[in-house]
Amino acid sequence: MRSIPADSLLGGYGDCMSKVYRVGTVARAVNAVFRRLATRGRGAPYLHVLTVAGRTSGRDRSVPVDVMTMDTVKYLVAPSGEVNWVRNLRAAGKATLQRGSHVQQYDAVEVPPTDAIPVLREYIRLVPITKDYWNVNGDSTDDEVLGDARTHPAFQLKVSETAPEGPPRETDESQ
């Protein structure tokens, strides 16, 4: 059997995540639990529900996410890599975050990997449950974290001038 080099699978990056995220029955159930916790304002303080328009259907898609706040700036990190919410957010450029009854519309700008290093370090420190998706840890060098940043996009969130039209609807939680 012929093996395929990792470089060809990842568009030449040569980096790969320790664990690949798969949306199956268990992942959907876990996402549903965390989504309900976030909409009730429970769970870790960084737990929110992200709602973003699907890039092909235009339908709202919601998924629980962890929002990092550093120096009053909010960031989203994709611990599972280039999943659907990442591709949808890139296409839409805006999303809604909800925690409890607080709903806010944001414009999202992808952060270059070199600028994302401190955000990724904070994420790895605060959300250890995602450690299997990372090839680095808190003791890793900046160069090592930069290597992982290529497969873990980060977005800076800025409050949008456009007000949301009410709380996000319960929608498909698949990533």
N, C-alpha and C. Protein backbone atom coordinates (compact mmCIF):
# COMPACT_ATOMS: atom_id res chain seq x y z
N MET A 1 0.84 -1.18 0.00
CA MET A 1 0.00 0.00 0.00
C MET A 1 0.88 1.24 0.00
N ARG A 2 0.58 2.21 -0.86
CA ARG A 2 1.35 3.43 -0.98
C ARG A 2 0.88 4.46 0.03
N SER A 3 1.80 5.08 0.74
CA SER A 3 1.40 6.11 1.69
C SER A 3 1.45 7.48 1.01
N ILE A 4 0.58 8.38 1.49
CA ILE A 4 0.51 9.74 0.95
C ILE A 4 1.22 10.66 1.93
N PRO A 5 2.19 11.45 1.45
CA PRO A 5 2.89 12.35 2.37
C PRO A 5 1.94 13.39 2.96
N ALA A 6 2.16 13.74 4.22
CA ALA A 6 1.31 14.73 4.91
C ALA A 6 1.31 16.05 4.17
N ASP A 7 2.45 16.41 3.53
CA ASP A 7 2.52 17.68 2.80
C ASP A 7 1.45 17.79 1.74
N SER A 8 1.19 16.69 1.03
CA SER A 8 0.20 16.76 -0.06
C SER A 8 -1.21 16.85 0.49
N LEU A 9 -1.45 16.31 1.66
CA LEU A 9 -2.78 16.39 2.26
C LEU A 9 -3.08 17.77 2.81
N LEU A 10 -2.05 18.50 3.21
CA LEU A 10 -2.24 19.78 3.86
C LEU A 10 -1.80 20.95 3.00
N GLY A 11 -1.83 20.79 1.70
CA GLY A 11 -1.50 21.89 0.81
C GLY A 11 -0.07 22.35 0.95
N GLY A 12 0.84 21.44 1.32
CA GLY A 12 2.24 21.80 1.39
C GLY A 12 2.70 22.33 2.74
N TYR A 13 1.81 22.46 3.69
CA TYR A 13 2.23 22.99 4.99
C TYR A 13 3.14 22.03 5.74
N GLY A 14 2.86 20.73 5.62
CA GLY A 14 3.69 19.77 6.31
C GLY A 14 3.35 19.63 7.78
N ASP A 15 2.47 20.46 8.31
CA ASP A 15 2.06 20.37 9.71
C ASP A 15 0.72 19.66 9.77
N CYS A 16 0.53 18.90 10.81
CA CYS A 16 -0.79 18.30 10.97
C CYS A 16 -1.13 18.29 12.46
N MET A 17 -2.40 18.27 12.71
CA MET A 17 -2.86 18.27 14.09
C MET A 17 -2.69 16.89 14.69
N SER A 18 -2.57 16.84 16.00
CA SER A 18 -2.44 15.58 16.70
C SER A 18 -3.68 14.72 16.50
N LYS A 19 -4.85 15.36 16.57
CA LYS A 19 -6.13 14.65 16.46
C LYS A 19 -7.00 15.40 15.48
N VAL A 20 -7.74 14.67 14.66
CA VAL A 20 -8.61 15.29 13.67
C VAL A 20 -10.04 15.29 14.21
N TYR A 21 -10.70 16.45 14.12
CA TYR A 21 -12.08 16.59 14.59
C TYR A 21 -13.04 15.96 13.60
N ARG A 22 -13.90 15.11 14.07
CA ARG A 22 -14.92 14.47 13.25
C ARG A 22 -16.29 14.80 13.85
N VAL A 23 -17.23 15.22 13.00
CA VAL A 23 -18.58 15.52 13.47
C VAL A 23 -19.40 14.24 13.37
N GLY A 24 -19.51 13.56 14.50
CA GLY A 24 -20.31 12.35 14.57
C GLY A 24 -21.39 12.53 15.63
N THR A 25 -22.02 11.45 15.98
CA THR A 25 -23.10 11.49 16.95
C THR A 25 -22.65 12.03 18.30
N VAL A 26 -21.50 11.58 18.76
CA VAL A 26 -21.00 12.03 20.06
C VAL A 26 -20.67 13.52 20.02
N ALA A 27 -19.97 13.97 18.97
CA ALA A 27 -19.62 15.39 18.85
C ALA A 27 -20.88 16.26 18.80
N ARG A 28 -21.89 15.82 18.08
CA ARG A 28 -23.15 16.59 18.01
C ARG A 28 -23.81 16.68 19.39
N ALA A 29 -23.80 15.57 20.12
CA ALA A 29 -24.41 15.56 21.45
C ALA A 29 -23.64 16.48 22.41
N VAL A 30 -22.32 16.41 22.38
CA VAL A 30 -21.50 17.27 23.24
C VAL A 30 -21.72 18.73 22.87
N ASN A 31 -21.74 19.05 21.56
CA ASN A 31 -21.99 20.42 21.13
C ASN A 31 -23.35 20.92 21.60
N ALA A 32 -24.35 20.05 21.56
CA ALA A 32 -25.70 20.45 22.00
C ALA A 32 -25.70 20.78 23.50
N VAL A 33 -25.00 20.00 24.30
CA VAL A 33 -24.92 20.26 25.74
C VAL A 33 -24.22 21.59 25.99
N PHE A 34 -23.07 21.81 25.36
CA PHE A 34 -22.33 23.06 25.57
C PHE A 34 -23.09 24.27 25.02
N ARG A 35 -23.81 24.07 23.91
CA ARG A 35 -24.62 25.17 23.37
C ARG A 35 -25.70 25.58 24.37
N ARG A 36 -26.34 24.59 24.99
CA ARG A 36 -27.39 24.89 25.98
C ARG A 36 -26.80 25.57 27.22
N LEU A 37 -25.63 25.11 27.64
CA LEU A 37 -24.98 25.77 28.78
C LEU A 37 -24.69 27.24 28.46
N ALA A 38 -24.13 27.50 27.29
CA ALA A 38 -23.78 28.88 26.91
C ALA A 38 -25.02 29.75 26.79
N THR A 39 -26.10 29.23 26.21
CA THR A 39 -27.30 30.06 26.05
C THR A 39 -27.96 30.35 27.40
N ARG A 40 -27.62 29.57 28.41
CA ARG A 40 -28.13 29.81 29.75
C ARG A 40 -27.13 30.59 30.61
N GLY A 41 -25.98 30.94 30.02
CA GLY A 41 -24.97 31.70 30.75
C GLY A 41 -24.20 30.88 31.74
N ARG A 42 -24.14 29.58 31.52
CA ARG A 42 -23.46 28.67 32.44
C ARG A 42 -22.19 28.13 31.80
N GLY A 43 -21.43 27.39 32.57
CA GLY A 43 -20.18 26.84 32.06
C GLY A 43 -19.06 27.85 32.21
N ALA A 44 -17.93 27.53 31.64
CA ALA A 44 -16.76 28.41 31.72
C ALA A 44 -17.11 29.80 31.18
N PRO A 45 -16.54 30.86 31.76
CA PRO A 45 -16.91 32.22 31.33
C PRO A 45 -16.58 32.52 29.87
N TYR A 46 -15.69 31.76 29.28
CA TYR A 46 -15.34 31.99 27.88
C TYR A 46 -16.24 31.22 26.91
N LEU A 47 -17.17 30.40 27.42
CA LEU A 47 -18.06 29.60 26.57
C LEU A 47 -19.19 30.45 26.00
N HIS A 48 -19.31 30.47 24.68
CA HIS A 48 -20.34 31.23 23.96
C HIS A 48 -20.91 30.37 22.83
N VAL A 49 -22.00 30.83 22.25
CA VAL A 49 -22.53 30.21 21.03
C VAL A 49 -22.24 31.16 19.88
N LEU A 50 -21.56 30.64 18.88
CA LEU A 50 -21.26 31.38 17.66
C LEU A 50 -22.32 31.05 16.63
N THR A 51 -22.93 32.07 16.04
CA THR A 51 -23.88 31.86 14.95
C THR A 51 -23.36 32.62 13.74
N VAL A 52 -23.20 31.89 12.64
CA VAL A 52 -22.66 32.48 11.41
C VAL A 52 -23.43 31.91 10.22
N ALA A 53 -23.60 32.71 9.19
CA ALA A 53 -24.29 32.26 7.98
C ALA A 53 -23.45 31.21 7.27
N GLY A 54 -24.11 30.14 6.83
CA GLY A 54 -23.42 29.12 6.05
C GLY A 54 -22.94 29.69 4.73
N ARG A 55 -21.75 29.30 4.31
CA ARG A 55 -21.16 29.90 3.13
C ARG A 55 -21.83 29.48 1.83
N THR A 56 -22.51 28.36 1.81
CA THR A 56 -23.21 27.95 0.59
C THR A 56 -24.73 28.06 0.73
N SER A 57 -25.26 27.71 1.89
CA SER A 57 -26.72 27.74 2.06
C SER A 57 -27.22 29.12 2.51
N GLY A 58 -26.37 29.87 3.20
CA GLY A 58 -26.81 31.14 3.77
C GLY A 58 -27.60 30.98 5.05
N ARG A 59 -27.89 29.73 5.44
CA ARG A 59 -28.64 29.46 6.67
C ARG A 59 -27.74 29.65 7.88
N ASP A 60 -28.32 30.15 8.98
CA ASP A 60 -27.56 30.31 10.21
C ASP A 60 -27.09 28.96 10.73
N ARG A 61 -25.84 28.92 11.14
CA ARG A 61 -25.23 27.74 11.75
C ARG A 61 -24.69 28.14 13.11
N SER A 62 -25.01 27.37 14.13
CA SER A 62 -24.57 27.69 15.49
C SER A 62 -23.73 26.57 16.07
N VAL A 63 -22.71 26.97 16.81
CA VAL A 63 -21.81 26.01 17.42
C VAL A 63 -21.23 26.64 18.69
N PRO A 64 -21.00 25.84 19.74
CA PRO A 64 -20.36 26.39 20.93
C PRO A 64 -18.88 26.66 20.64
N VAL A 65 -18.39 27.79 21.13
CA VAL A 65 -16.98 28.16 20.95
C VAL A 65 -16.44 28.75 22.24
N ASP A 66 -15.13 28.83 22.32
CA ASP A 66 -14.46 29.43 23.46
C ASP A 66 -13.86 30.75 23.00
N VAL A 67 -14.26 31.84 23.65
CA VAL A 67 -13.81 33.18 23.28
C VAL A 67 -12.72 33.61 24.26
N MET A 68 -11.55 33.93 23.72
CA MET A 68 -10.44 34.42 24.54
C MET A 68 -10.50 35.94 24.57
N THR A 69 -10.33 36.54 25.74
CA THR A 69 -10.26 37.99 25.87
C THR A 69 -8.88 38.35 26.40
N MET A 70 -8.16 39.17 25.62
CA MET A 70 -6.83 39.61 26.02
C MET A 70 -6.77 41.12 25.84
N ASP A 71 -6.51 41.83 26.93
CA ASP A 71 -6.47 43.30 26.89
C ASP A 71 -7.75 43.87 26.28
N THR A 72 -8.88 43.37 26.70
CA THR A 72 -10.23 43.77 26.26
C THR A 72 -10.55 43.43 24.81
N VAL A 73 -9.65 42.74 24.12
CA VAL A 73 -9.90 42.33 22.73
C VAL A 73 -10.34 40.88 22.74
N LYS A 74 -11.41 40.58 21.98
CA LYS A 74 -11.94 39.22 21.92
C LYS A 74 -11.38 38.48 20.70
N TYR A 75 -11.10 37.19 20.91
CA TYR A 75 -10.57 36.34 19.85
C TYR A 75 -11.30 35.00 19.84
N LEU A 76 -11.45 34.45 18.67
CA LEU A 76 -11.92 33.08 18.49
C LEU A 76 -10.73 32.26 18.01
N VAL A 77 -10.57 31.06 18.56
CA VAL A 77 -9.51 30.15 18.15
C VAL A 77 -10.18 28.87 17.69
N ALA A 78 -9.66 28.29 16.62
CA ALA A 78 -10.19 27.03 16.09
C ALA A 78 -9.30 25.87 16.55
N PRO A 79 -9.58 25.30 17.73
CA PRO A 79 -8.72 24.21 18.21
C PRO A 79 -8.81 22.97 17.33
N SER A 80 -9.93 22.83 16.63
CA SER A 80 -10.14 21.66 15.78
C SER A 80 -9.70 21.90 14.35
N GLY A 81 -9.08 23.04 14.09
CA GLY A 81 -8.56 23.31 12.75
C GLY A 81 -9.59 23.95 11.83
N GLU A 82 -9.47 23.63 10.56
CA GLU A 82 -10.29 24.26 9.51
C GLU A 82 -11.64 23.56 9.40
N VAL A 83 -12.46 23.72 10.42
CA VAL A 83 -13.79 23.13 10.43
C VAL A 83 -14.78 24.08 9.75
N ASN A 84 -16.02 23.64 9.60
CA ASN A 84 -17.00 24.44 8.85
C ASN A 84 -17.22 25.84 9.41
N TRP A 85 -17.24 25.99 10.75
CA TRP A 85 -17.49 27.34 11.26
C TRP A 85 -16.37 28.29 10.87
N VAL A 86 -15.15 27.79 10.74
CA VAL A 86 -14.02 28.61 10.31
C VAL A 86 -14.22 29.06 8.86
N ARG A 87 -14.57 28.12 8.00
CA ARG A 87 -14.79 28.45 6.58
C ARG A 87 -15.98 29.40 6.42
N ASN A 88 -17.04 29.17 7.22
CA ASN A 88 -18.21 30.05 7.16
C ASN A 88 -17.86 31.46 7.64
N LEU A 89 -17.08 31.56 8.71
CA LEU A 89 -16.71 32.86 9.25
C LEU A 89 -15.80 33.62 8.28
N ARG A 90 -14.90 32.91 7.64
CA ARG A 90 -14.06 33.56 6.62
C ARG A 90 -14.92 34.14 5.50
N ALA A 91 -15.92 33.37 5.07
CA ALA A 91 -16.78 33.81 3.96
C ALA A 91 -17.68 34.97 4.38
N ALA A 92 -18.26 34.89 5.58
CA ALA A 92 -19.23 35.90 6.03
C ALA A 92 -18.55 37.15 6.57
N GLY A 93 -17.44 36.96 7.27
CA GLY A 93 -16.74 38.10 7.87
C GLY A 93 -17.42 38.68 9.10
N LYS A 94 -18.52 38.08 9.50
CA LYS A 94 -19.24 38.56 10.69
C LYS A 94 -20.01 37.40 11.31
N ALA A 95 -20.30 37.56 12.59
CA ALA A 95 -21.01 36.51 13.31
C ALA A 95 -21.66 37.10 14.56
N THR A 96 -22.49 36.31 15.18
CA THR A 96 -23.13 36.69 16.43
C THR A 96 -22.63 35.77 17.52
N LEU A 97 -22.32 36.36 18.68
CA LEU A 97 -21.97 35.58 19.86
C LEU A 97 -23.05 35.75 20.90
N GLN A 98 -23.39 34.64 21.56
CA GLN A 98 -24.38 34.68 22.63
C GLN A 98 -23.84 33.97 23.85
N ARG A 99 -24.06 34.59 24.99
CA ARG A 99 -23.82 33.96 26.30
C ARG A 99 -24.93 34.43 27.20
N GLY A 100 -25.75 33.50 27.64
CA GLY A 100 -26.92 33.87 28.43
C GLY A 100 -27.83 34.73 27.57
N SER A 101 -28.33 35.81 28.15
CA SER A 101 -29.24 36.68 27.39
C SER A 101 -28.48 37.74 26.59
N HIS A 102 -27.16 37.79 26.73
CA HIS A 102 -26.38 38.79 26.01
C HIS A 102 -26.05 38.29 24.60
N VAL A 103 -26.47 39.05 23.60
CA VAL A 103 -26.22 38.72 22.20
C VAL A 103 -25.54 39.92 21.55
N GLN A 104 -24.45 39.65 20.84
CA GLN A 104 -23.70 40.75 20.22
C GLN A 104 -23.22 40.33 18.84
N GLN A 105 -23.35 41.24 17.88
CA GLN A 105 -22.86 41.03 16.52
C GLN A 105 -21.41 41.51 16.44
N TYR A 106 -20.55 40.74 15.76
CA TYR A 106 -19.13 41.08 15.62
C TYR A 106 -18.70 40.96 14.17
N ASP A 107 -17.73 41.79 13.81
CA ASP A 107 -16.99 41.63 12.57
C ASP A 107 -15.76 40.81 12.94
N ALA A 108 -15.39 39.87 12.08
CA ALA A 108 -14.27 38.99 12.37
C ALA A 108 -13.15 39.18 11.35
N VAL A 109 -11.94 39.30 11.86
CA VAL A 109 -10.76 39.44 11.01
C VAL A 109 -9.78 38.35 11.40
N GLU A 110 -9.35 37.55 10.42
CA GLU A 110 -8.41 36.49 10.73
C GLU A 110 -7.05 37.09 11.12
N VAL A 111 -6.48 36.55 12.17
CA VAL A 111 -5.20 37.03 12.69
C VAL A 111 -4.07 36.24 12.03
N PRO A 112 -3.05 36.92 11.51
CA PRO A 112 -1.90 36.20 10.93
C PRO A 112 -1.26 35.29 11.99
N PRO A 113 -0.76 34.13 11.57
CA PRO A 113 -0.18 33.18 12.54
C PRO A 113 0.85 33.80 13.48
N THR A 114 1.72 34.68 12.99
CA THR A 114 2.73 35.26 13.87
C THR A 114 2.10 36.12 14.97
N ASP A 115 1.01 36.81 14.66
CA ASP A 115 0.32 37.64 15.65
C ASP A 115 -0.56 36.81 16.58
N ALA A 116 -0.88 35.59 16.17
CA ALA A 116 -1.79 34.74 16.95
C ALA A 116 -1.09 33.99 18.08
N ILE A 117 0.23 34.00 18.12
CA ILE A 117 0.96 33.19 19.11
C ILE A 117 0.49 33.45 20.54
N PRO A 118 0.40 34.71 21.02
CA PRO A 118 -0.05 34.89 22.42
C PRO A 118 -1.49 34.42 22.65
N VAL A 119 -2.34 34.57 21.64
CA VAL A 119 -3.73 34.14 21.76
C VAL A 119 -3.79 32.61 21.86
N LEU A 120 -3.02 31.94 21.03
CA LEU A 120 -3.00 30.47 21.06
C LEU A 120 -2.45 29.97 22.40
N ARG A 121 -1.42 30.63 22.91
CA ARG A 121 -0.87 30.24 24.22
C ARG A 121 -1.95 30.37 25.31
N GLU A 122 -2.70 31.46 25.28
CA GLU A 122 -3.76 31.67 26.27
C GLU A 122 -4.84 30.60 26.12
N TYR A 123 -5.19 30.28 24.89
CA TYR A 123 -6.21 29.26 24.64
C TYR A 123 -5.74 27.91 25.19
N ILE A 124 -4.53 27.53 24.87
CA ILE A 124 -3.99 26.24 25.33
C ILE A 124 -3.98 26.19 26.86
N ARG A 125 -3.67 27.31 27.50
CA ARG A 125 -3.63 27.38 28.96
C ARG A 125 -5.03 27.26 29.58
N LEU A 126 -6.01 27.95 28.98
CA LEU A 126 -7.35 28.01 29.58
C LEU A 126 -8.27 26.85 29.20
N VAL A 127 -8.01 26.22 28.06
CA VAL A 127 -8.93 25.18 27.57
C VAL A 127 -8.15 23.87 27.37
N PRO A 128 -7.72 23.24 28.47
CA PRO A 128 -6.89 22.04 28.34
C PRO A 128 -7.62 20.84 27.74
N ILE A 129 -8.95 20.87 27.73
CA ILE A 129 -9.69 19.74 27.17
C ILE A 129 -9.39 19.54 25.67
N THR A 130 -8.89 20.58 25.01
CA THR A 130 -8.59 20.48 23.58
C THR A 130 -7.14 20.08 23.31
N LYS A 131 -6.40 19.68 24.34
CA LYS A 131 -4.96 19.41 24.20
C LYS A 131 -4.63 18.37 23.13
N ASP A 132 -5.54 17.43 22.87
CA ASP A 132 -5.27 16.40 21.87
C ASP A 132 -5.22 16.95 20.45
N TYR A 133 -5.74 18.16 20.24
CA TYR A 133 -5.73 18.77 18.91
C TYR A 133 -4.48 19.60 18.64
N TRP A 134 -3.62 19.72 19.64
CA TRP A 134 -2.43 20.56 19.53
C TRP A 134 -1.17 19.71 19.55
N ASN A 135 -0.15 20.17 18.84
CA ASN A 135 1.17 19.54 18.88
C ASN A 135 2.09 20.30 19.83
N VAL A 136 1.55 21.28 20.54
CA VAL A 136 2.34 22.12 21.45
C VAL A 136 1.67 22.16 22.82
N ASN A 137 2.40 22.72 23.78
CA ASN A 137 1.85 22.91 25.13
C ASN A 137 2.39 24.22 25.68
N GLY A 138 2.14 24.48 26.94
CA GLY A 138 2.55 25.74 27.56
C GLY A 138 4.04 25.97 27.59
N ASP A 139 4.83 24.92 27.47
CA ASP A 139 6.29 25.04 27.50
C ASP A 139 6.91 25.15 26.11
N SER A 140 6.09 25.13 25.07
CA SER A 140 6.59 25.16 23.70
C SER A 140 7.17 26.53 23.35
N THR A 141 8.13 26.52 22.44
CA THR A 141 8.74 27.77 21.99
C THR A 141 7.78 28.50 21.05
N ASP A 142 8.05 29.78 20.81
CA ASP A 142 7.23 30.56 19.87
C ASP A 142 7.26 29.93 18.48
N ASP A 143 8.42 29.42 18.06
CA ASP A 143 8.51 28.78 16.74
C ASP A 143 7.63 27.55 16.66
N GLU A 144 7.57 26.78 17.74
CA GLU A 144 6.72 25.59 17.76
C GLU A 144 5.24 25.99 17.72
N VAL A 145 4.87 27.01 18.49
CA VAL A 145 3.48 27.49 18.48
C VAL A 145 3.14 28.04 17.10
N LEU A 146 4.06 28.75 16.48
CA LEU A 146 3.85 29.27 15.13
C LEU A 146 3.57 28.13 14.15
N GLY A 147 4.28 27.02 14.29
CA GLY A 147 4.03 25.86 13.44
C GLY A 147 2.60 25.36 13.57
N ASP A 148 2.09 25.33 14.80
CA ASP A 148 0.71 24.89 15.03
C ASP A 148 -0.30 25.95 14.59
N ALA A 149 0.09 27.21 14.60
CA ALA A 149 -0.84 28.29 14.23
C ALA A 149 -1.33 28.14 12.78
N ARG A 150 -0.55 27.48 11.95
CA ARG A 150 -0.96 27.29 10.55
C ARG A 150 -2.20 26.41 10.43
N THR A 151 -2.41 25.55 11.39
CA THR A 151 -3.57 24.64 11.33
C THR A 151 -4.64 25.00 12.36
N HIS A 152 -4.46 26.10 13.10
CA HIS A 152 -5.42 26.55 14.10
C HIS A 152 -5.71 28.04 13.90
N PRO A 153 -6.59 28.38 12.98
CA PRO A 153 -6.87 29.79 12.71
C PRO A 153 -7.41 30.51 13.95
N ALA A 154 -7.09 31.80 14.04
CA ALA A 154 -7.61 32.66 15.11
C ALA A 154 -8.21 33.90 14.44
N PHE A 155 -9.28 34.41 15.04
CA PHE A 155 -9.99 35.58 14.53
C PHE A 155 -10.12 36.62 15.62
N GLN A 156 -9.84 37.87 15.28
CA GLN A 156 -10.10 38.97 16.20
C GLN A 156 -11.53 39.43 15.95
N LEU A 157 -12.26 39.67 17.04
CA LEU A 157 -13.66 40.08 16.95
C LEU A 157 -13.80 41.55 17.34
N LYS A 158 -14.46 42.30 16.51
CA LYS A 158 -14.73 43.71 16.78
C LYS A 158 -16.23 43.92 16.75
N VAL A 159 -16.76 44.63 17.74
CA VAL A 159 -18.20 44.88 17.80
C VAL A 159 -18.65 45.51 16.48
N SER A 160 -19.67 44.92 15.90
CA SER A 160 -20.18 45.39 14.62
C SER A 160 -21.05 46.63 14.80
N GLU A 161 -21.05 47.48 13.80
CA GLU A 161 -21.92 48.65 13.81
C GLU A 161 -23.37 48.24 13.58
N THR A 162 -23.57 47.04 13.03
CA THR A 162 -24.91 46.52 12.75
C THR A 162 -25.41 45.75 13.95
N ALA A 163 -26.55 46.13 14.48
CA ALA A 163 -27.13 45.43 15.63
C ALA A 163 -27.75 44.12 15.19
N PRO A 164 -27.65 43.07 16.00
CA PRO A 164 -28.29 41.80 15.66
C PRO A 164 -29.81 41.93 15.70
N GLU A 165 -30.46 41.04 15.00
CA GLU A 165 -31.93 41.07 14.92
C GLU A 165 -32.55 40.18 15.98
N GLY A 166 -32.00 40.14 17.17
CA GLY A 166 -32.53 39.30 18.23
C GLY A 166 -31.65 38.11 18.46
N PRO A 167 -32.00 37.26 19.43
CA PRO A 167 -31.15 36.12 19.75
C PRO A 167 -31.11 35.12 18.59
N PRO A 168 -29.97 34.44 18.43
CA PRO A 168 -29.88 33.44 17.37
C PRO A 168 -30.89 32.35 17.58
N ARG A 169 -31.38 31.82 16.48
CA ARG A 169 -32.32 30.71 16.55
C ARG A 169 -31.56 29.41 16.83
N GLU A 170 -32.27 28.43 17.38
CA GLU A 170 -31.67 27.11 17.51
C GLU A 170 -31.49 26.58 16.10
N THR A 171 -30.25 26.33 15.72
CA THR A 171 -29.94 25.88 14.37
C THR A 171 -29.00 24.71 14.43
N ASP A 172 -28.62 24.24 13.26
CA ASP A 172 -27.72 23.11 13.11
C ASP A 172 -26.42 23.39 13.84
N GLU A 173 -25.99 22.47 14.70
CA GLU A 173 -24.79 22.68 15.48
C GLU A 173 -23.56 22.06 14.84
N SER A 174 -23.70 21.50 13.67
CA SER A 174 -22.54 20.86 13.07
C SER A 174 -21.50 21.89 12.70
N GLN A 175 -20.27 21.51 12.84
CA GLN A 175 -19.17 22.41 12.51
C GLN A 175 -18.77 22.17 11.09
